[in-house]
Structure formats: structure tokens, C-alpha cells
Amino acid sequence: MKRKRPSAAVIRKNIWKNRDMYLMIFPVTVYYLIIHYWAMGWLAISFYDYKLLKGFAGSKFVGLQNFEKFVTGLNFGTVIVNTLLLNFYTLIFFFPMPIIFALLLNEIKSTKYKKFVQTVSYMPHFLSAVVVVSILNVVLSPSVGFVNGFLKTLGMDSVYFMGDAKYFRGVYVMSSIWQETGWSAIIYISALSGIDQSLYEAARIDGAGKLRQIWHVSLPGIRETIILLLIMRIGNMVNLTFEKPYLMQNALNTSVSEVLSTYTYKIGMVRGNYSQATAIGLFSSLVSLIFVLSANYLSSKVTDTSLF
């Protein structure tokens, strides 16, 4: 039997009845429409030699020229490798940390202590990149930094961590682990709370210790969550937030700190080449799409879990 479609009057009545909910989601809807959807129309800039004051009508259409200029440029290889390596190290060393932290936190029996630890752990997430990099500059300072002070007590020489290119990736990943582990663990903690407690009781009756309970009950219980977040993380392999790499960047570590986000900023905002900057951004989005589709396809074939 075909379901009758509600009339316009019924729809208006339902909207008015739930007006508080609609008012709550209105700002978010407007934000996404303007920032994420309306702005997509301006991607056409990447196919023009765009002049800001002339607009599209007065700008020359150049097709894929901006993409070719970026791909064949001297900095292309360096920027891509730096971005991929920084994301790869973050994936390898950071991604497991929230999972491990959530599993450990799940074993704490005291509710008050658990909430205290969780609150303290995700507080660094709310620090801005400026504050985080400022803390790094102080803590890792060759003259007054705590880390170098400790090295001196061991009879070792001071190390300029923020200026030496070989330490950039390590400092970036370690600071990300400190700042984001607690916040990223929230979703895993929520997933762990949804596991049937009778499974743990059955495991204990069978003689399973804590490690076996984690391996056979906890991890399988959050398996789908881990896989879905991993797919999304792989989809961001060519994307990095702009602020932190840019603030950590200096003349001594540019060879490893120049990533797509900082390079795009310099091309677009510093040099004023909006067309090529837009082309680089579109290139990054397309590569991200390929990554996430590939990861999703492999996951659906290997684990039967996928985003769509």
C-alpha cells in the first residue's frame, strides 16, 4: 500500500512543534551551506588565471595549466613527500594511542578517578596551536628548556630541537600525541561503554585474565569503530592542519616542514596566486577522495566493515 505523503500544512505544523530543535541546527546548517557548499563554486578559479578585481568574466580560462604548473614544479616532490611522511608517522604512532588509553581507562573501577583522568587528558585539545608551539619553544629551548636541562645533567650537549630538521617530525608527532590522545579517546570510551558486561563475566568464568578480556571482548567490541576511524584517517593522508606546521616552521627545518597546507598558504596569500592555490587545494581533495574510497573498498572486502 502506497504511503500517503503529508500535506504542507502538516509539515509546517511539525516544524513549528519542533521549532526549538530547528533553531538549534539552523546555525550549523547555515555554516555548512556557506563555508562548505557555496564555497565549492569558487573551485572554478583553479581553471582560470584569476584576477580578483576582474572576476571570472575578465580572467583568462587556462584549463589544467595551474595543475600542471604545480605538478611539474620544483617543490612538488618535496611537499608531497613531507605531507605523506608526516601523516604516515602520525598514523603509525598517534592512531593507536587513543585506543590504548581508552582500554586502560576502561579498566579503572573508580568512577570519580576515571572522570578526573579523562577530563585532564582531553584539556590540551582546547589549547590553540599558537599556545602549543609556544610551550614547545620553551620546553625544548637549548638554553632554558626542561628537556635540554635534563640532557645537561646527564653530561650531554644541548639540542636545538625546533631548529634541527631531523627532529621536526618527531616533535610534531609527540606533541600531537600529548594534545589529542585524550580527546580522540572519547569515541572509543563511548564504544567500550556499549559492550555487554555479561561478556566480561563470561570471560572471567572461563578463566580469562585482564589481557585476554581486552583481546577477546574489548577490542572486538570496538572493532568497527577502529576501522571506520582508520578509513577516515587514511582519507586525510594528504591533509594537515595549517597552523601547527606553519608555526613550527623556520629557515632551518623548511626542507621537512613544508607541507601542502603551508605551501598552499604561501602560494595563495603571500604570492597572491589564488588560481594555483585553489588548484592545489582541489588536487588535495581529489587525492583524499581516492585514498578514502580505496581504504573503504579494501575494508569492505577484508573486514566487511565500511563507511558506505
C-alpha atoms as a PDB file:
ATOM      1  CA  MET A   1       0.000   0.000   0.000  1.00  0.00           C
ATOM      2  CA  LYS A   2       1.382   3.374  -1.021  1.00  0.00           C
ATOM      3  CA  ARG A   3       2.060   5.656   1.909  1.00  0.00           C
ATOM      4  CA  LYS A   4       0.242   8.985   1.799  1.00  0.00           C
ATOM      5  CA  ARG A   5       2.535  11.991   1.592  1.00  0.00           C
ATOM      6  CA  PRO A   6       1.991  14.545   4.393  1.00  0.00           C
ATOM      7  CA  SER A   7       0.465  17.829   3.331  1.00  0.00           C
ATOM      8  CA  ALA A   8       2.280  21.180   3.511  1.00  0.00           C
ATOM      9  CA  ALA A   9       0.083  22.163   6.476  1.00  0.00           C
ATOM     10  CA  VAL A  10       1.151  19.056   8.408  1.00  0.00           C
ATOM     11  CA  ILE A  11       4.822  19.727   7.622  1.00  0.00           C
ATOM     12  CA  ARG A  12       4.511  23.350   8.810  1.00  0.00           C
ATOM     13  CA  LYS A  13       2.771  22.163  11.972  1.00  0.00           C
ATOM     14  CA  ASN A  14       5.551  19.657  12.712  1.00  0.00           C
ATOM     15  CA  ILE A  15       8.224  22.286  12.094  1.00  0.00           C
ATOM     16  CA  TRP A  16       6.503  24.720  14.452  1.00  0.00           C
ATOM     17  CA  LYS A  17       6.057  21.982  17.042  1.00  0.00           C
ATOM     18  CA  ASN A  18       9.785  21.193  16.938  1.00  0.00           C
ATOM     19  CA  ARG A  19      10.904  24.779  16.381  1.00  0.00           C
ATOM     20  CA  ASP A  20      13.420  24.646  19.222  1.00  0.00           C
ATOM     21  CA  MET A  21      15.280  21.783  17.567  1.00  0.00           C
ATOM     22  CA  TYR A  22      15.226  23.521  14.183  1.00  0.00           C
ATOM     23  CA  LEU A  23      16.565  26.718  15.738  1.00  0.00           C
ATOM     24  CA  MET A  24      19.414  24.735  17.299  1.00  0.00           C
ATOM     25  CA  ILE A  25      20.503  23.204  13.987  1.00  0.00           C
ATOM     26  CA  PHE A  26      19.915  26.405  11.959  1.00  0.00           C
ATOM     27  CA  PRO A  27      23.362  27.997  12.628  1.00  0.00           C
ATOM     28  CA  VAL A  28      25.117  24.718  11.783  1.00  0.00           C
ATOM     29  CA  THR A  29      23.109  24.373   8.575  1.00  0.00           C
ATOM     30  CA  VAL A  30      23.940  27.939   7.533  1.00  0.00           C
ATOM     31  CA  TYR A  31      27.619  27.339   8.320  1.00  0.00           C
ATOM     32  CA  TYR A  32      27.825  24.247   6.118  1.00  0.00           C
ATOM     33  CA  LEU A  33      25.838  25.843   3.290  1.00  0.00           C
ATOM     34  CA  ILE A  34      28.075  28.919   3.164  1.00  0.00           C
ATOM     35  CA  ILE A  35      31.513  27.583   4.110  1.00  0.00           C
ATOM     36  CA  HIS A  36      31.379  24.076   2.633  1.00  0.00           C
ATOM     37  CA  TYR A  37      28.864  24.148  -0.236  1.00  0.00           C
ATOM     38  CA  TRP A  38      28.565  27.702  -1.565  1.00  0.00           C
ATOM     39  CA  ALA A  39      32.363  27.995  -1.496  1.00  0.00           C
ATOM     40  CA  MET A  40      32.666  24.938  -3.779  1.00  0.00           C
ATOM     41  CA  GLY A  41      31.532  27.092  -6.679  1.00  0.00           C
ATOM     42  CA  TRP A  42      34.765  29.052  -6.365  1.00  0.00           C
ATOM     43  CA  LEU A  43      36.808  25.963  -7.197  1.00  0.00           C
ATOM     44  CA  ALA A  44      36.411  27.121 -10.787  1.00  0.00           C
ATOM     45  CA  ILE A  45      39.190  29.614 -10.009  1.00  0.00           C
ATOM     46  CA  SER A  46      41.666  26.754 -10.421  1.00  0.00           C
ATOM     47  CA  PHE A  47      40.865  26.657 -14.166  1.00  0.00           C
ATOM     48  CA  TYR A  48      41.420  30.392 -14.700  1.00  0.00           C
ATOM     49  CA  ASP A  49      44.227  32.887 -14.493  1.00  0.00           C
ATOM     50  CA  TYR A  50      42.008  34.560 -11.954  1.00  0.00           C
ATOM     51  CA  LYS A  51      42.208  38.298 -11.351  1.00  0.00           C
ATOM     52  CA  LEU A  52      40.486  39.337  -8.151  1.00  0.00           C
ATOM     53  CA  LEU A  53      39.222  42.713  -9.406  1.00  0.00           C
ATOM     54  CA  LYS A  54      38.159  41.410 -12.835  1.00  0.00           C
ATOM     55  CA  GLY A  55      36.304  38.296 -11.707  1.00  0.00           C
ATOM     56  CA  PHE A  56      35.619  35.324 -13.952  1.00  0.00           C
ATOM     57  CA  ALA A  57      34.436  37.489 -16.851  1.00  0.00           C
ATOM     58  CA  GLY A  58      37.731  39.359 -17.068  1.00  0.00           C
ATOM     59  CA  SER A  59      40.017  36.409 -16.275  1.00  0.00           C
ATOM     60  CA  LYS A  60      41.534  34.089 -18.863  1.00  0.00           C
ATOM     61  CA  PHE A  61      40.487  30.438 -18.914  1.00  0.00           C
ATOM     62  CA  VAL A  62      43.658  28.288 -18.780  1.00  0.00           C
ATOM     63  CA  GLY A  63      42.227  24.788 -18.241  1.00  0.00           C
ATOM     64  CA  LEU A  64      44.615  22.482 -16.381  1.00  0.00           C
ATOM     65  CA  GLN A  65      47.568  24.828 -16.599  1.00  0.00           C
ATOM     66  CA  ASN A  66      47.578  25.594 -12.856  1.00  0.00           C
ATOM     67  CA  PHE A  67      47.581  21.880 -12.030  1.00  0.00           C
ATOM     68  CA  GLU A  68      50.409  21.221 -14.482  1.00  0.00           C
ATOM     69  CA  LYS A  69      52.433  24.079 -13.027  1.00  0.00           C
ATOM     70  CA  PHE A  70      52.076  22.619  -9.544  1.00  0.00           C
ATOM     71  CA  VAL A  71      52.804  19.000 -10.524  1.00  0.00           C
ATOM     72  CA  THR A  72      55.842  19.919 -12.626  1.00  0.00           C
ATOM     73  CA  GLY A  73      57.152  22.471 -10.140  1.00  0.00           C
ATOM     74  CA  LEU A  74      60.405  22.037  -8.226  1.00  0.00           C
ATOM     75  CA  ASN A  75      58.634  21.898  -4.859  1.00  0.00           C
ATOM     76  CA  PHE A  76      56.023  19.264  -5.788  1.00  0.00           C
ATOM     77  CA  GLY A  77      58.021  16.190  -4.757  1.00  0.00           C
ATOM     78  CA  THR A  78      59.273  17.723  -1.522  1.00  0.00           C
ATOM     79  CA  VAL A  79      55.845  18.983  -0.447  1.00  0.00           C
ATOM     80  CA  ILE A  80      54.088  15.692  -1.232  1.00  0.00           C
ATOM     81  CA  VAL A  81      56.743  13.554   0.487  1.00  0.00           C
ATOM     82  CA  ASN A  82      56.757  15.793   3.585  1.00  0.00           C
ATOM     83  CA  THR A  83      52.967  15.684   3.823  1.00  0.00           C
ATOM     84  CA  LEU A  84      52.739  11.920   3.355  1.00  0.00           C
ATOM     85  CA  LEU A  85      55.590  11.154   5.775  1.00  0.00           C
ATOM     86  CA  LEU A  86      54.199  13.420   8.490  1.00  0.00           C
ATOM     87  CA  ASN A  87      50.755  11.834   8.120  1.00  0.00           C
ATOM     88  CA  PHE A  88      52.264   8.337   7.966  1.00  0.00           C
ATOM     89  CA  TYR A  89      54.203   8.824  11.210  1.00  0.00           C
ATOM     90  CA  THR A  90      51.103  10.317  12.816  1.00  0.00           C
ATOM     91  CA  LEU A  91      49.062   7.310  11.678  1.00  0.00           C
ATOM     92  CA  ILE A  92      51.617   4.785  12.966  1.00  0.00           C
ATOM     93  CA  PHE A  93      52.431   6.375  16.320  1.00  0.00           C
ATOM     94  CA  PHE A  94      49.402   8.515  17.179  1.00  0.00           C
ATOM     95  CA  PHE A  95      46.429   6.488  15.917  1.00  0.00           C
ATOM     96  CA  PRO A  96      46.884   3.556  18.381  1.00  0.00           C
ATOM     97  CA  MET A  97      47.351   5.843  21.403  1.00  0.00           C
ATOM     98  CA  PRO A  98      43.688   6.820  21.952  1.00  0.00           C
ATOM     99  CA  ILE A  99      42.715   3.144  21.631  1.00  0.00           C
ATOM    100  CA  ILE A 100      45.285   2.066  24.233  1.00  0.00           C
ATOM    101  CA  PHE A 101      44.337   4.956  26.518  1.00  0.00           C
ATOM    102  CA  ALA A 102      40.613   4.129  26.257  1.00  0.00           C
ATOM    103  CA  LEU A 103      41.269   0.457  27.018  1.00  0.00           C
ATOM    104  CA  LEU A 104      43.339   1.346  30.077  1.00  0.00           C
ATOM    105  CA  LEU A 105      40.803   3.896  31.264  1.00  0.00           C
ATOM    106  CA  ASN A 106      38.034   1.329  30.859  1.00  0.00           C
ATOM    107  CA  GLU A 107      39.766  -0.888  33.433  1.00  0.00           C
ATOM    108  CA  ILE A 108      39.625   1.787  36.157  1.00  0.00           C
ATOM    109  CA  LYS A 109      36.871   0.922  38.622  1.00  0.00           C
ATOM    110  CA  SER A 110      36.649   4.238  40.453  1.00  0.00           C
ATOM    111  CA  THR A 111      34.161   6.409  38.547  1.00  0.00           C
ATOM    112  CA  LYS A 112      35.418   9.671  40.087  1.00  0.00           C
ATOM    113  CA  TYR A 113      39.045   8.904  39.319  1.00  0.00           C
ATOM    114  CA  LYS A 114      38.158   7.821  35.787  1.00  0.00           C
ATOM    115  CA  LYS A 115      36.305  11.087  35.120  1.00  0.00           C
ATOM    116  CA  PHE A 116      39.195  13.091  36.592  1.00  0.00           C
ATOM    117  CA  VAL A 117      41.775  11.365  34.377  1.00  0.00           C
ATOM    118  CA  GLN A 118      39.588  11.713  31.306  1.00  0.00           C
ATOM    119  CA  THR A 119      38.974  15.415  31.950  1.00  0.00           C
ATOM    120  CA  VAL A 120      42.661  16.168  32.479  1.00  0.00           C
ATOM    121  CA  SER A 121      43.671  14.151  29.414  1.00  0.00           C
ATOM    122  CA  TYR A 122      41.469  15.986  26.911  1.00  0.00           C
ATOM    123  CA  MET A 123      42.115  19.519  28.227  1.00  0.00           C
ATOM    124  CA  PRO A 124      45.195  20.051  25.968  1.00  0.00           C
ATOM    125  CA  HIS A 125      42.906  19.643  22.953  1.00  0.00           C
ATOM    126  CA  PHE A 126      41.432  23.076  23.658  1.00  0.00           C
ATOM    127  CA  LEU A 127      44.811  24.804  23.513  1.00  0.00           C
ATOM    128  CA  SER A 128      45.375  26.737  20.305  1.00  0.00           C
ATOM    129  CA  ALA A 129      48.250  25.859  18.004  1.00  0.00           C
ATOM    130  CA  VAL A 130      49.943  29.124  18.993  1.00  0.00           C
ATOM    131  CA  VAL A 131      49.934  28.135  22.656  1.00  0.00           C
ATOM    132  CA  VAL A 132      51.124  24.583  21.927  1.00  0.00           C
ATOM    133  CA  VAL A 133      54.032  25.751  19.762  1.00  0.00           C
ATOM    134  CA  SER A 134      54.923  28.400  22.362  1.00  0.00           C
ATOM    135  CA  ILE A 135      55.072  25.672  25.020  1.00  0.00           C
ATOM    136  CA  LEU A 136      57.281  23.578  22.728  1.00  0.00           C
ATOM    137  CA  ASN A 137      59.630  26.511  22.170  1.00  0.00           C
ATOM    138  CA  VAL A 138      60.023  26.987  25.928  1.00  0.00           C
ATOM    139  CA  VAL A 139      60.253  23.315  26.922  1.00  0.00           C
ATOM    140  CA  LEU A 140      62.680  22.464  24.114  1.00  0.00           C
ATOM    141  CA  SER A 141      64.741  25.652  24.310  1.00  0.00           C
ATOM    142  CA  PRO A 142      68.509  24.938  24.101  1.00  0.00           C
ATOM    143  CA  SER A 143      69.208  27.400  26.920  1.00  0.00           C
ATOM    144  CA  VAL A 144      66.297  27.338  29.384  1.00  0.00           C
ATOM    145  CA  GLY A 145      64.271  24.326  28.271  1.00  0.00           C
ATOM    146  CA  PHE A 146      63.459  21.488  30.669  1.00  0.00           C
ATOM    147  CA  VAL A 147      64.463  18.780  28.172  1.00  0.00           C
ATOM    148  CA  ASN A 148      67.884  20.248  27.464  1.00  0.00           C
ATOM    149  CA  GLY A 149      68.362  20.923  31.167  1.00  0.00           C
ATOM    150  CA  PHE A 150      67.870  17.207  31.767  1.00  0.00           C
ATOM    151  CA  LEU A 151      70.300  16.346  28.964  1.00  0.00           C
ATOM    152  CA  LYS A 152      72.918  18.616  30.522  1.00  0.00           C
ATOM    153  CA  THR A 153      72.614  16.836  33.870  1.00  0.00           C
ATOM    154  CA  LEU A 154      73.457  13.619  32.006  1.00  0.00           C
ATOM    155  CA  GLY A 155      76.562  15.268  30.576  1.00  0.00           C
ATOM    156  CA  MET A 156      75.123  15.617  27.070  1.00  0.00           C
ATOM    157  CA  ASP A 157      75.157  18.667  24.795  1.00  0.00           C
ATOM    158  CA  SER A 158      72.087  20.841  24.225  1.00  0.00           C
ATOM    159  CA  VAL A 159      69.977  20.081  21.171  1.00  0.00           C
ATOM    160  CA  TYR A 160      68.095  22.703  19.167  1.00  0.00           C
ATOM    161  CA  PHE A 161      65.003  20.524  18.627  1.00  0.00           C
ATOM    162  CA  MET A 162      62.896  23.238  16.997  1.00  0.00           C
ATOM    163  CA  GLY A 163      65.626  24.244  14.561  1.00  0.00           C
ATOM    164  CA  ASP A 164      67.068  20.910  13.527  1.00  0.00           C
ATOM    165  CA  ALA A 165      65.213  19.379  10.565  1.00  0.00           C
ATOM    166  CA  LYS A 166      65.772  15.791  11.737  1.00  0.00           C
ATOM    167  CA  TYR A 167      63.759  16.406  14.921  1.00  0.00           C
ATOM    168  CA  PHE A 168      60.805  18.208  13.332  1.00  0.00           C
ATOM    169  CA  ARG A 169      58.637  15.163  12.616  1.00  0.00           C
ATOM    170  CA  GLY A 170      59.330  13.586  16.000  1.00  0.00           C
ATOM    171  CA  VAL A 171      58.433  16.797  17.850  1.00  0.00           C
ATOM    172  CA  TYR A 172      55.294  17.220  15.730  1.00  0.00           C
ATOM    173  CA  VAL A 173      54.028  13.682  16.341  1.00  0.00           C
ATOM    174  CA  MET A 174      54.907  13.611  20.062  1.00  0.00           C
ATOM    175  CA  SER A 175      53.187  16.942  20.678  1.00  0.00           C
ATOM    176  CA  SER A 176      50.114  15.678  18.766  1.00  0.00           C
ATOM    177  CA  ILE A 177      50.015  12.588  20.972  1.00  0.00           C
ATOM    178  CA  TRP A 178      50.118  14.785  24.095  1.00  0.00           C
ATOM    179  CA  GLN A 179      47.495  17.200  22.809  1.00  0.00           C
ATOM    180  CA  GLU A 180      44.963  14.922  21.130  1.00  0.00           C
ATOM    181  CA  THR A 181      45.104  11.472  22.745  1.00  0.00           C
ATOM    182  CA  GLY A 182      42.574  12.214  25.471  1.00  0.00           C
ATOM    183  CA  TRP A 183      40.149  13.933  23.122  1.00  0.00           C
ATOM    184  CA  SER A 184      40.394  11.252  20.436  1.00  0.00           C
ATOM    185  CA  ALA A 185      39.825   8.546  23.062  1.00  0.00           C
ATOM    186  CA  ILE A 186      36.313   9.828  23.844  1.00  0.00           C
ATOM    187  CA  ILE A 187      34.704   7.969  20.947  1.00  0.00           C
ATOM    188  CA  TYR A 188      36.458   4.724  21.924  1.00  0.00           C
ATOM    189  CA  ILE A 189      35.397   5.153  25.551  1.00  0.00           C
ATOM    190  CA  SER A 190      31.801   5.585  24.365  1.00  0.00           C
ATOM    191  CA  ALA A 191      32.083   2.449  22.238  1.00  0.00           C
ATOM    192  CA  LEU A 192      33.525   0.478  25.173  1.00  0.00           C
ATOM    193  CA  SER A 193      30.661   1.569  27.409  1.00  0.00           C
ATOM    194  CA  GLY A 194      28.224  -0.043  24.968  1.00  0.00           C
ATOM    195  CA  ILE A 195      29.756  -3.520  25.275  1.00  0.00           C
ATOM    196  CA  ASP A 196      27.539  -6.027  27.080  1.00  0.00           C
ATOM    197  CA  GLN A 197      29.033  -6.542  30.552  1.00  0.00           C
ATOM    198  CA  SER A 198      27.863 -10.157  30.562  1.00  0.00           C
ATOM    199  CA  LEU A 199      30.598 -10.864  28.010  1.00  0.00           C
ATOM    200  CA  TYR A 200      33.226  -9.865  30.550  1.00  0.00           C
ATOM    201  CA  GLU A 201      31.550 -12.004  33.201  1.00  0.00           C
ATOM    202  CA  ALA A 202      31.537 -14.996  30.853  1.00  0.00           C
ATOM    203  CA  ALA A 203      35.210 -14.406  30.057  1.00  0.00           C
ATOM    204  CA  ARG A 204      36.087 -14.285  33.767  1.00  0.00           C
ATOM    205  CA  ILE A 205      34.170 -17.502  34.401  1.00  0.00           C
ATOM    206  CA  ASP A 206      36.201 -19.137  31.616  1.00  0.00           C
ATOM    207  CA  GLY A 207      39.369 -18.045  33.427  1.00  0.00           C
ATOM    208  CA  ALA A 208      40.352 -15.141  31.188  1.00  0.00           C
ATOM    209  CA  GLY A 209      42.605 -12.536  32.787  1.00  0.00           C
ATOM    210  CA  LYS A 210      42.559  -8.799  32.075  1.00  0.00           C
ATOM    211  CA  LEU A 211      44.684  -9.037  28.940  1.00  0.00           C
ATOM    212  CA  ARG A 212      42.578 -11.823  27.461  1.00  0.00           C
ATOM    213  CA  GLN A 213      39.384  -9.922  28.291  1.00  0.00           C
ATOM    214  CA  ILE A 214      40.759  -6.905  26.442  1.00  0.00           C
ATOM    215  CA  TRP A 215      41.855  -9.026  23.484  1.00  0.00           C
ATOM    216  CA  HIS A 216      38.726 -11.179  23.175  1.00  0.00           C
ATOM    217  CA  VAL A 217      35.998  -8.805  24.409  1.00  0.00           C
ATOM    218  CA  SER A 218      37.034  -5.139  24.430  1.00  0.00           C
ATOM    219  CA  LEU A 219      38.860  -4.968  21.113  1.00  0.00           C
ATOM    220  CA  PRO A 220      36.232  -6.941  19.159  1.00  0.00           C
ATOM    221  CA  GLY A 221      33.600  -4.687  20.727  1.00  0.00           C
ATOM    222  CA  ILE A 222      35.172  -1.522  19.288  1.00  0.00           C
ATOM    223  CA  ARG A 223      36.482  -3.140  16.098  1.00  0.00           C
ATOM    224  CA  GLU A 224      34.054  -1.387  13.773  1.00  0.00           C
ATOM    225  CA  THR A 225      34.755   1.993  15.394  1.00  0.00           C
ATOM    226  CA  ILE A 226      38.505   1.499  14.940  1.00  0.00           C
ATOM    227  CA  ILE A 227      38.100   0.515  11.283  1.00  0.00           C
ATOM    228  CA  LEU A 228      35.813   3.422  10.418  1.00  0.00           C
ATOM    229  CA  LEU A 229      38.115   5.967  12.062  1.00  0.00           C
ATOM    230  CA  LEU A 230      41.107   4.370  10.355  1.00  0.00           C
ATOM    231  CA  ILE A 231      39.429   4.731   6.963  1.00  0.00           C
ATOM    232  CA  MET A 232      38.765   8.411   7.614  1.00  0.00           C
ATOM    233  CA  ARG A 233      42.324   8.895   8.848  1.00  0.00           C
ATOM    234  CA  ILE A 234      43.723   7.316   5.687  1.00  0.00           C
ATOM    235  CA  GLY A 235      41.490   9.628   3.674  1.00  0.00           C
ATOM    236  CA  ASN A 236      43.348  12.573   5.228  1.00  0.00           C
ATOM    237  CA  MET A 237      46.821  11.357   4.296  1.00  0.00           C
ATOM    238  CA  VAL A 238      47.463  14.447   2.181  1.00  0.00           C
ATOM    239  CA  ASN A 239      45.705  16.869   4.526  1.00  0.00           C
ATOM    240  CA  LEU A 240      47.255  18.571   7.513  1.00  0.00           C
ATOM    241  CA  THR A 241      46.044  21.477   9.576  1.00  0.00           C
ATOM    242  CA  PHE A 242      47.849  24.642   8.566  1.00  0.00           C
ATOM    243  CA  GLU A 243      48.547  26.347  11.881  1.00  0.00           C
ATOM    244  CA  LYS A 244      50.877  23.963  13.703  1.00  0.00           C
ATOM    245  CA  PRO A 245      53.276  23.081  10.845  1.00  0.00           C
ATOM    246  CA  TYR A 246      53.439  26.757   9.859  1.00  0.00           C
ATOM    247  CA  LEU A 247      54.159  27.940  13.408  1.00  0.00           C
ATOM    248  CA  MET A 248      56.813  25.242  13.899  1.00  0.00           C
ATOM    249  CA  GLN A 249      58.421  26.108  10.571  1.00  0.00           C
ATOM    250  CA  ASN A 250      61.628  28.125  10.326  1.00  0.00           C
ATOM    251  CA  ALA A 251      64.515  28.580   7.911  1.00  0.00           C
ATOM    252  CA  LEU A 252      66.386  25.611   9.374  1.00  0.00           C
ATOM    253  CA  ASN A 253      63.626  22.989   9.013  1.00  0.00           C
ATOM    254  CA  THR A 254      61.755  24.097   5.884  1.00  0.00           C
ATOM    255  CA  SER A 255      63.086  21.092   3.971  1.00  0.00           C
ATOM    256  CA  VAL A 256      60.875  18.789   6.093  1.00  0.00           C
ATOM    257  CA  SER A 257      58.196  21.169   7.388  1.00  0.00           C
ATOM    258  CA  GLU A 258      56.902  22.488   4.070  1.00  0.00           C
ATOM    259  CA  VAL A 259      53.636  20.572   3.604  1.00  0.00           C
ATOM    260  CA  LEU A 260      50.674  21.068   1.281  1.00  0.00           C
ATOM    261  CA  SER A 261      48.763  23.327   3.665  1.00  0.00           C
ATOM    262  CA  THR A 262      51.680  25.704   4.303  1.00  0.00           C
ATOM    263  CA  TYR A 263      52.705  25.667   0.641  1.00  0.00           C
ATOM    264  CA  THR A 264      49.150  26.499  -0.435  1.00  0.00           C
ATOM    265  CA  TYR A 265      49.056  29.399   2.022  1.00  0.00           C
ATOM    266  CA  LYS A 266      52.290  30.848   0.681  1.00  0.00           C
ATOM    267  CA  ILE A 267      51.188  30.475  -2.936  1.00  0.00           C
ATOM    268  CA  GLY A 268      47.758  31.986  -2.338  1.00  0.00           C
ATOM    269  CA  MET A 269      48.073  34.523   0.465  1.00  0.00           C
ATOM    270  CA  VAL A 270      51.737  35.528   0.271  1.00  0.00           C
ATOM    271  CA  ARG A 271      52.260  35.471  -3.502  1.00  0.00           C
ATOM    272  CA  GLY A 272      48.650  36.270  -4.379  1.00  0.00           C
ATOM    273  CA  ASN A 273      48.363  33.413  -6.879  1.00  0.00           C
ATOM    274  CA  TYR A 274      44.799  32.426  -5.993  1.00  0.00           C
ATOM    275  CA  SER A 275      44.359  30.254  -9.081  1.00  0.00           C
ATOM    276  CA  GLN A 276      47.254  27.923  -8.338  1.00  0.00           C
ATOM    277  CA  ALA A 277      46.440  27.833  -4.608  1.00  0.00           C
ATOM    278  CA  THR A 278      42.890  26.747  -5.441  1.00  0.00           C
ATOM    279  CA  ALA A 279      44.250  24.156  -7.869  1.00  0.00           C
ATOM    280  CA  ILE A 280      46.481  22.729  -5.128  1.00  0.00           C
ATOM    281  CA  GLY A 281      43.522  22.572  -2.752  1.00  0.00           C
ATOM    282  CA  LEU A 282      41.386  20.798  -5.357  1.00  0.00           C
ATOM    283  CA  PHE A 283      44.258  18.408  -6.084  1.00  0.00           C
ATOM    284  CA  SER A 284      44.493  17.561  -2.364  1.00  0.00           C
ATOM    285  CA  SER A 285      40.745  16.938  -2.177  1.00  0.00           C
ATOM    286  CA  LEU A 286      40.782  14.614  -5.173  1.00  0.00           C
ATOM    287  CA  VAL A 287      43.720  12.621  -3.786  1.00  0.00           C
ATOM    288  CA  SER A 288      41.946  12.404  -0.413  1.00  0.00           C
ATOM    289  CA  LEU A 289      38.841  11.092  -2.181  1.00  0.00           C
ATOM    290  CA  ILE A 290      40.915   8.404  -3.892  1.00  0.00           C
ATOM    291  CA  PHE A 291      42.520   7.419  -0.585  1.00  0.00           C
ATOM    292  CA  VAL A 292      39.247   7.152   1.311  1.00  0.00           C
ATOM    293  CA  LEU A 293      37.491   5.235  -1.490  1.00  0.00           C
ATOM    294  CA  SER A 294      40.418   2.810  -1.735  1.00  0.00           C
ATOM    295  CA  ALA A 295      40.583   2.296   2.030  1.00  0.00           C
ATOM    296  CA  ASN A 296      36.817   1.862   2.198  1.00  0.00           C
ATOM    297  CA  TYR A 297      36.866  -0.695  -0.631  1.00  0.00           C
ATOM    298  CA  LEU A 298      39.683  -2.735   0.947  1.00  0.00           C
ATOM    299  CA  SER A 299      37.974  -2.611   4.332  1.00  0.00           C
ATOM    300  CA  SER A 300      34.663  -3.820   2.879  1.00  0.00           C
ATOM    301  CA  LYS A 301      36.447  -6.753   1.209  1.00  0.00           C
ATOM    302  CA  VAL A 302      38.696  -7.746   4.138  1.00  0.00           C
ATOM    303  CA  THR A 303      36.580  -6.940   7.202  1.00  0.00           C
ATOM    304  CA  ASP A 304      33.011  -6.426   5.879  1.00  0.00           C
ATOM    305  CA  THR A 305      33.047  -3.005   7.544  1.00  0.00           C
ATOM    306  CA  SER A 306      32.881   0.199   5.532  1.00  0.00           C
ATOM    307  CA  LEU A 307      31.711   3.794   5.640  1.00  0.00           C
ATOM    308  CA  PHE A 308      29.186   3.223   2.844  1.00  0.00           C
END
